Amino acid sequence: MARSLAAPAVLIMVLTLLSGGCTAPGHGYVSESVGRLTVDRPAGWDLETTVESPWHKGFRDAADAPEQLQLSGDFGAYASAGQAMGTLIGKAQVGLPSFRVIESREITVTGATTAQLTRYTVADGRDGELSGLWIVAAHWPYPQSVAVSVLAAERDPALEQRLITSMRLRADRR
């Protein structure tokens, strides 16, 4: 009888390890909350960095790495994600060298009435480019929004999907 119980226990342990259940640096994800935003970030991106408004928290995987994640738990009193995203894109077109939108689409984020994802590229300052991602979620009729920003050497579809599925807007419903 002990033998028949051991096989399922080993299988569960192996599946947990293969599915990213480990949160050691460089593996898995950890949940971050700031203001009205909750989202998972890569566990290895644990070096906190200084950010400027409207961002509230920032993380990198190493001090000199291009990879960075920024979070805003109160991005602004926007009625829609499109309105908030338009602000980000407008500022980027003026301030970021070689900024180019690759894709922009509506997505679903828990707690939001609208959400939008925009992928873009920008010059890296060394004759190359970096891949960027913004996810903005907004809630109406009480205008409020949250946002996530990722910048990396190359696009990471698995990270993008994890951000979308884990992102939560805890709306103030006054």
C-alpha atoms as a PDB file:
ATOM      1  CA  MET A   1       0.000   0.000   0.000  1.00  0.00           C
ATOM      2  CA  ALA A   2       2.836   2.425   0.768  1.00  0.00           C
ATOM      3  CA  ARG A   3       4.232   1.818  -2.713  1.00  0.00           C
ATOM      4  CA  SER A   4       0.992   2.874  -4.442  1.00  0.00           C
ATOM      5  CA  LEU A   5       0.898   6.161  -2.484  1.00  0.00           C
ATOM      6  CA  ALA A   6       4.566   6.985  -3.147  1.00  0.00           C
ATOM      7  CA  ALA A   7       4.221   7.122  -6.955  1.00  0.00           C
ATOM      8  CA  PRO A   8       1.533   9.871  -6.951  1.00  0.00           C
ATOM      9  CA  ALA A   9       3.512  11.867  -4.355  1.00  0.00           C
ATOM     10  CA  VAL A  10       6.656  11.743  -6.509  1.00  0.00           C
ATOM     11  CA  LEU A  11       4.648  12.697  -9.600  1.00  0.00           C
ATOM     12  CA  ILE A  12       3.137  15.713  -7.813  1.00  0.00           C
ATOM     13  CA  MET A  13       6.592  16.840  -6.641  1.00  0.00           C
ATOM     14  CA  VAL A  14       8.055  16.552 -10.164  1.00  0.00           C
ATOM     15  CA  LEU A  15       5.106  18.426 -11.729  1.00  0.00           C
ATOM     16  CA  THR A  16       5.426  21.204  -9.129  1.00  0.00           C
ATOM     17  CA  LEU A  17       9.111  21.678  -9.935  1.00  0.00           C
ATOM     18  CA  LEU A  18       8.499  21.629 -13.693  1.00  0.00           C
ATOM     19  CA  SER A  19       5.633  24.131 -13.472  1.00  0.00           C
ATOM     20  CA  GLY A  20       7.742  26.851 -11.849  1.00  0.00           C
ATOM     21  CA  GLY A  21       6.612  26.234  -8.298  1.00  0.00           C
ATOM     22  CA  CYS A  22      10.068  27.237  -7.110  1.00  0.00           C
ATOM     23  CA  THR A  23      10.594  30.917  -6.340  1.00  0.00           C
ATOM     24  CA  ALA A  24      14.369  30.915  -5.989  1.00  0.00           C
ATOM     25  CA  PRO A  25      16.162  33.749  -7.820  1.00  0.00           C
ATOM     26  CA  GLY A  26      15.940  33.211 -11.554  1.00  0.00           C
ATOM     27  CA  HIS A  27      12.988  30.820 -11.242  1.00  0.00           C
ATOM     28  CA  GLY A  28       9.273  31.313 -10.893  1.00  0.00           C
ATOM     29  CA  TYR A  29       7.331  34.376  -9.940  1.00  0.00           C
ATOM     30  CA  VAL A  30       6.414  36.328  -6.824  1.00  0.00           C
ATOM     31  CA  SER A  31       3.381  38.511  -6.281  1.00  0.00           C
ATOM     32  CA  GLU A  32       3.850  42.277  -5.912  1.00  0.00           C
ATOM     33  CA  SER A  33       1.233  44.747  -4.706  1.00  0.00           C
ATOM     34  CA  VAL A  34       1.360  48.512  -4.895  1.00  0.00           C
ATOM     35  CA  GLY A  35      -1.663  50.765  -4.469  1.00  0.00           C
ATOM     36  CA  ARG A  36      -4.577  49.219  -6.400  1.00  0.00           C
ATOM     37  CA  LEU A  37      -2.308  46.901  -8.443  1.00  0.00           C
ATOM     38  CA  THR A  38      -1.312  43.296  -7.832  1.00  0.00           C
ATOM     39  CA  VAL A  39       0.795  41.432 -10.403  1.00  0.00           C
ATOM     40  CA  ASP A  40       3.382  38.644 -10.530  1.00  0.00           C
ATOM     41  CA  ARG A  41       6.996  39.508 -11.331  1.00  0.00           C
ATOM     42  CA  PRO A  42       9.923  37.205 -12.117  1.00  0.00           C
ATOM     43  CA  ALA A  43      11.456  36.126  -8.801  1.00  0.00           C
ATOM     44  CA  GLY A  44      14.956  36.802 -10.151  1.00  0.00           C
ATOM     45  CA  TRP A  45      14.094  40.421 -10.864  1.00  0.00           C
ATOM     46  CA  ASP A  46      14.521  41.311  -7.205  1.00  0.00           C
ATOM     47  CA  LEU A  47      16.853  44.319  -7.327  1.00  0.00           C
ATOM     48  CA  GLU A  48      14.642  47.295  -6.451  1.00  0.00           C
ATOM     49  CA  THR A  49      15.351  50.384  -8.534  1.00  0.00           C
ATOM     50  CA  THR A  50      14.463  54.042  -8.275  1.00  0.00           C
ATOM     51  CA  VAL A  51      11.513  55.069 -10.441  1.00  0.00           C
ATOM     52  CA  GLU A  52       9.893  58.356 -11.379  1.00  0.00           C
ATOM     53  CA  SER A  53       6.211  59.284 -11.312  1.00  0.00           C
ATOM     54  CA  PRO A  54       3.798  57.849 -12.372  1.00  0.00           C
ATOM     55  CA  TRP A  55       5.671  54.643 -11.457  1.00  0.00           C
ATOM     56  CA  HIS A  56       5.784  53.539  -7.806  1.00  0.00           C
ATOM     57  CA  LYS A  57       8.026  50.441  -7.775  1.00  0.00           C
ATOM     58  CA  GLY A  58      10.771  49.191 -10.039  1.00  0.00           C
ATOM     59  CA  PHE A  59      12.757  45.940 -10.307  1.00  0.00           C
ATOM     60  CA  ARG A  60      15.735  44.634 -12.293  1.00  0.00           C
ATOM     61  CA  ASP A  61      17.512  41.302 -12.436  1.00  0.00           C
ATOM     62  CA  ALA A  62      20.960  42.998 -12.244  1.00  0.00           C
ATOM     63  CA  ALA A  63      22.194  46.582 -11.854  1.00  0.00           C
ATOM     64  CA  ASP A  64      23.612  46.755 -15.393  1.00  0.00           C
ATOM     65  CA  ALA A  65      20.945  44.665 -17.162  1.00  0.00           C
ATOM     66  CA  PRO A  66      18.453  46.244 -19.566  1.00  0.00           C
ATOM     67  CA  GLU A  67      15.616  44.132 -18.115  1.00  0.00           C
ATOM     68  CA  GLN A  68      13.370  46.173 -15.870  1.00  0.00           C
ATOM     69  CA  LEU A  69       9.825  46.098 -14.548  1.00  0.00           C
ATOM     70  CA  GLN A  70       7.968  49.158 -13.280  1.00  0.00           C
ATOM     71  CA  LEU A  71       4.622  49.201 -11.486  1.00  0.00           C
ATOM     72  CA  SER A  72       2.089  51.953 -10.922  1.00  0.00           C
ATOM     73  CA  GLY A  73      -0.656  51.290  -8.390  1.00  0.00           C
ATOM     74  CA  ASP A  74      -2.342  54.609  -9.158  1.00  0.00           C
ATOM     75  CA  PHE A  75      -1.557  55.557 -12.752  1.00  0.00           C
ATOM     76  CA  GLY A  76      -4.157  58.309 -12.923  1.00  0.00           C
ATOM     77  CA  ALA A  77      -7.860  59.127 -13.105  1.00  0.00           C
ATOM     78  CA  TYR A  78      -8.393  57.742 -16.603  1.00  0.00           C
ATOM     79  CA  ALA A  79     -11.856  56.642 -17.731  1.00  0.00           C
ATOM     80  CA  SER A  80     -10.431  54.028 -20.086  1.00  0.00           C
ATOM     81  CA  ALA A  81      -7.251  52.087 -20.674  1.00  0.00           C
ATOM     82  CA  GLY A  82      -7.026  53.574 -24.171  1.00  0.00           C
ATOM     83  CA  GLN A  83      -6.963  57.084 -22.728  1.00  0.00           C
ATOM     84  CA  ALA A  84      -4.169  56.140 -20.280  1.00  0.00           C
ATOM     85  CA  MET A  85      -2.215  54.294 -22.981  1.00  0.00           C
ATOM     86  CA  GLY A  86      -2.488  57.312 -25.265  1.00  0.00           C
ATOM     87  CA  THR A  87      -0.695  59.353 -22.614  1.00  0.00           C
ATOM     88  CA  LEU A  88       2.157  56.829 -22.426  1.00  0.00           C
ATOM     89  CA  ILE A  89       2.512  56.617 -26.211  1.00  0.00           C
ATOM     90  CA  GLY A  90       2.396  60.410 -26.620  1.00  0.00           C
ATOM     91  CA  LYS A  91       5.179  60.940 -24.077  1.00  0.00           C
ATOM     92  CA  ALA A  92       7.268  58.151 -25.621  1.00  0.00           C
ATOM     93  CA  GLN A  93       6.962  59.600 -29.132  1.00  0.00           C
ATOM     94  CA  VAL A  94       8.479  62.819 -27.852  1.00  0.00           C
ATOM     95  CA  GLY A  95      11.057  61.487 -25.379  1.00  0.00           C
ATOM     96  CA  LEU A  96      12.300  58.045 -26.454  1.00  0.00           C
ATOM     97  CA  PRO A  97      14.734  57.644 -29.348  1.00  0.00           C
ATOM     98  CA  SER A  98      13.457  55.489 -32.204  1.00  0.00           C
ATOM     99  CA  PHE A  99      10.212  54.655 -30.373  1.00  0.00           C
ATOM    100  CA  ARG A 100       7.974  52.459 -32.530  1.00  0.00           C
ATOM    101  CA  VAL A 101       4.678  50.758 -31.629  1.00  0.00           C
ATOM    102  CA  ILE A 102       4.641  47.089 -32.685  1.00  0.00           C
ATOM    103  CA  GLU A 103       1.186  46.091 -31.447  1.00  0.00           C
ATOM    104  CA  SER A 104      -1.650  47.521 -29.404  1.00  0.00           C
ATOM    105  CA  ARG A 105      -4.698  45.508 -28.400  1.00  0.00           C
ATOM    106  CA  GLU A 106      -7.487  45.221 -25.885  1.00  0.00           C
ATOM    107  CA  ILE A 107      -7.056  42.568 -23.183  1.00  0.00           C
ATOM    108  CA  THR A 108      -8.919  41.472 -20.064  1.00  0.00           C
ATOM    109  CA  VAL A 109      -7.617  42.294 -16.590  1.00  0.00           C
ATOM    110  CA  THR A 110      -9.443  41.238 -13.434  1.00  0.00           C
ATOM    111  CA  GLY A 111     -11.175  44.185 -11.756  1.00  0.00           C
ATOM    112  CA  ALA A 112     -10.894  46.509 -14.771  1.00  0.00           C
ATOM    113  CA  THR A 113     -13.635  47.650 -17.108  1.00  0.00           C
ATOM    114  CA  THR A 114     -11.030  48.214 -19.877  1.00  0.00           C
ATOM    115  CA  ALA A 115      -7.438  47.072 -20.355  1.00  0.00           C
ATOM    116  CA  GLN A 116      -4.910  47.495 -23.113  1.00  0.00           C
ATOM    117  CA  LEU A 117      -1.502  46.056 -23.995  1.00  0.00           C
ATOM    118  CA  THR A 118       1.039  47.850 -26.176  1.00  0.00           C
ATOM    119  CA  ARG A 119       4.302  46.309 -27.357  1.00  0.00           C
ATOM    120  CA  TYR A 120       6.985  48.643 -28.685  1.00  0.00           C
ATOM    121  CA  THR A 121      10.679  48.929 -29.491  1.00  0.00           C
ATOM    122  CA  VAL A 122      13.122  51.689 -28.598  1.00  0.00           C
ATOM    123  CA  ALA A 123      16.816  52.325 -29.318  1.00  0.00           C
ATOM    124  CA  ASP A 124      19.169  50.825 -26.736  1.00  0.00           C
ATOM    125  CA  GLY A 125      21.883  53.457 -27.207  1.00  0.00           C
ATOM    126  CA  ARG A 126      24.322  50.951 -28.772  1.00  0.00           C
ATOM    127  CA  ASP A 127      22.985  50.548 -32.334  1.00  0.00           C
ATOM    128  CA  GLY A 128      20.400  47.993 -31.218  1.00  0.00           C
ATOM    129  CA  GLU A 129      16.909  48.037 -29.810  1.00  0.00           C
ATOM    130  CA  LEU A 130      15.052  47.014 -26.699  1.00  0.00           C
ATOM    131  CA  SER A 131      11.617  45.429 -26.526  1.00  0.00           C
ATOM    132  CA  GLY A 132       9.033  47.185 -24.377  1.00  0.00           C
ATOM    133  CA  LEU A 133       5.608  46.302 -23.063  1.00  0.00           C
ATOM    134  CA  TRP A 134       2.961  48.385 -21.324  1.00  0.00           C
ATOM    135  CA  ILE A 135      -0.203  47.021 -19.783  1.00  0.00           C
ATOM    136  CA  VAL A 136      -2.765  49.530 -18.536  1.00  0.00           C
ATOM    137  CA  ALA A 137      -6.030  48.691 -16.784  1.00  0.00           C
ATOM    138  CA  ALA A 138      -8.757  51.197 -15.946  1.00  0.00           C
ATOM    139  CA  HIS A 139     -12.075  51.171 -14.115  1.00  0.00           C
ATOM    140  CA  TRP A 140     -15.196  53.170 -14.916  1.00  0.00           C
ATOM    141  CA  PRO A 141     -17.447  54.878 -13.691  1.00  0.00           C
ATOM    142  CA  TYR A 142     -14.947  55.855 -11.000  1.00  0.00           C
ATOM    143  CA  PRO A 143     -11.946  56.868 -13.176  1.00  0.00           C
ATOM    144  CA  GLN A 144      -8.802  55.117 -11.955  1.00  0.00           C
ATOM    145  CA  SER A 145      -6.026  53.094 -13.524  1.00  0.00           C
ATOM    146  CA  VAL A 146      -2.959  50.960 -12.861  1.00  0.00           C
ATOM    147  CA  ALA A 147      -0.047  50.132 -15.155  1.00  0.00           C
ATOM    148  CA  VAL A 148       2.861  47.743 -15.695  1.00  0.00           C
ATOM    149  CA  SER A 149       5.928  48.479 -17.819  1.00  0.00           C
ATOM    150  CA  VAL A 150       8.576  45.994 -18.976  1.00  0.00           C
ATOM    151  CA  LEU A 151      11.751  46.725 -20.901  1.00  0.00           C
ATOM    152  CA  ALA A 152      13.997  43.855 -22.024  1.00  0.00           C
ATOM    153  CA  ALA A 153      16.666  42.890 -24.538  1.00  0.00           C
ATOM    154  CA  GLU A 154      14.086  40.754 -26.323  1.00  0.00           C
ATOM    155  CA  ARG A 155      10.381  39.971 -26.106  1.00  0.00           C
ATOM    156  CA  ASP A 156       9.396  37.280 -23.626  1.00  0.00           C
ATOM    157  CA  PRO A 157       5.920  35.912 -24.529  1.00  0.00           C
ATOM    158  CA  ALA A 158       5.785  33.761 -21.360  1.00  0.00           C
ATOM    159  CA  LEU A 159       6.421  36.784 -19.131  1.00  0.00           C
ATOM    160  CA  GLU A 160       3.873  38.815 -21.095  1.00  0.00           C
ATOM    161  CA  GLN A 161       1.231  36.119 -20.574  1.00  0.00           C
ATOM    162  CA  ARG A 162       2.040  35.791 -16.856  1.00  0.00           C
ATOM    163  CA  LEU A 163       1.663  39.543 -16.369  1.00  0.00           C
ATOM    164  CA  ILE A 164      -1.711  39.572 -18.126  1.00  0.00           C
ATOM    165  CA  THR A 165      -3.134  36.592 -16.223  1.00  0.00           C
ATOM    166  CA  SER A 166      -1.869  37.698 -12.803  1.00  0.00           C
ATOM    167  CA  MET A 167      -2.667  41.416 -13.048  1.00  0.00           C
ATOM    168  CA  ARG A 168      -5.453  42.681 -10.754  1.00  0.00           C
ATOM    169  CA  LEU A 169      -6.988  46.112 -10.320  1.00  0.00           C
ATOM    170  CA  ARG A 170      -8.549  46.584  -6.904  1.00  0.00           C
ATOM    171  CA  ALA A 171     -10.931  49.371  -7.875  1.00  0.00           C
ATOM    172  CA  ASP A 172     -12.202  51.954  -5.446  1.00  0.00           C
ATOM    173  CA  ARG A 173     -15.969  51.798  -6.013  1.00  0.00           C
ATOM    174  CA  ARG A 174     -16.732  54.834  -3.840  1.00  0.00           C
END
